[in-house]
Amino acid sequence: MADAAQLTAWREALLRARYAGVRTVEYDGKRISYATDAEMATALADLERRIASTEIPRITQVRINSSKGV
């Protein structure tokens, strides 16, 4: 899996292309063409999800302590 910096670079390249009205994106020597803006939006949403998962640690265990106050 790519690190957060690489994912962010991919997202920025995709955003620049989308805002310019271009449906072909080039980064890391690769070229990707999108048929519709909806495909670009889906790719952006996926990148956002992946970036968020690298930045926020997941909670895997919750512990609860209680007492009667005695």
Protein backbone atom coordinates (compact mmCIF):
# COMPACT_ATOMS: atom_id res chain seq x y z
CA MET A 1 0.00 0.00 0.00
CA ALA A 2 1.15 3.52 -0.72
CA ASP A 3 2.06 5.92 2.07
CA ALA A 4 0.08 9.06 2.90
CA ALA A 5 2.44 11.37 0.96
CA GLN A 6 2.10 9.34 -2.23
CA LEU A 7 -1.67 9.10 -1.87
CA THR A 8 -1.86 12.87 -1.35
CA ALA A 9 0.24 13.47 -4.48
CA TRP A 10 -2.08 11.22 -6.49
CA ARG A 11 -5.11 13.08 -5.13
CA GLU A 12 -3.61 16.46 -6.01
CA ALA A 13 -2.81 15.32 -9.56
CA LEU A 14 -6.34 14.03 -9.98
CA LEU A 15 -7.86 17.24 -8.60
CA ARG A 16 -5.75 19.42 -10.90
CA ALA A 17 -6.84 17.39 -13.92
CA ARG A 18 -10.48 17.43 -12.87
CA TYR A 19 -10.55 21.19 -12.30
CA ALA A 20 -8.84 21.75 -15.66
CA GLY A 21 -11.46 19.62 -17.41
CA VAL A 22 -8.92 16.99 -18.43
CA ARG A 23 -9.82 13.32 -18.11
CA THR A 24 -6.29 11.95 -18.41
CA VAL A 25 -3.94 12.01 -15.42
CA GLU A 26 -0.21 11.27 -15.44
CA TYR A 27 1.89 10.57 -12.34
CA ASP A 28 4.78 8.26 -11.53
CA GLY A 29 5.19 7.54 -15.25
CA LYS A 30 1.67 6.13 -15.51
CA ARG A 31 -1.24 7.49 -17.52
CA ILE A 32 -4.86 6.92 -16.52
CA SER A 33 -7.84 8.05 -18.58
CA TYR A 34 -11.30 8.43 -17.08
CA ALA A 35 -14.43 8.15 -19.24
CA THR A 36 -16.61 10.39 -17.09
CA ASP A 37 -16.40 12.88 -14.26
CA ALA A 38 -18.24 10.34 -12.09
CA GLU A 39 -15.31 7.93 -12.47
CA MET A 40 -12.94 10.69 -11.37
CA ALA A 41 -15.16 11.44 -8.39
CA THR A 42 -15.14 7.76 -7.42
CA ALA A 43 -11.35 7.66 -7.65
CA LEU A 44 -11.10 10.80 -5.51
CA ALA A 45 -13.42 9.34 -2.89
CA ASP A 46 -11.30 6.19 -2.76
CA LEU A 47 -8.12 8.23 -2.33
CA GLU A 48 -9.74 10.30 0.42
CA ARG A 49 -10.77 7.12 2.23
CA ARG A 50 -7.27 5.66 1.95
CA ILE A 51 -5.64 8.88 3.16
CA ALA A 52 -8.00 9.03 6.14
CA SER A 53 -7.20 5.44 7.05
CA THR A 54 -3.47 6.20 7.15
CA GLU A 55 -3.87 9.31 9.30
CA ILE A 56 -6.27 8.12 11.99
CA PRO A 57 -5.30 5.17 14.14
CA ARG A 58 -8.10 2.66 14.45
CA ILE A 59 -9.48 1.73 17.85
CA THR A 60 -9.27 -2.02 18.14
CA GLN A 61 -10.10 -2.52 21.79
CA VAL A 62 -12.32 -0.72 24.30
CA ARG A 63 -12.05 -1.34 28.03
CA ILE A 64 -14.77 -0.45 30.48
CA ASN A 65 -14.25 -0.19 34.23
CA SER A 66 -17.09 0.30 36.66
CA SER A 67 -17.66 0.19 40.39
CA LYS A 68 -20.50 0.57 42.84
CA GLY A 69 -18.73 3.47 44.51
CA VAL A 70 -18.18 1.57 47.72
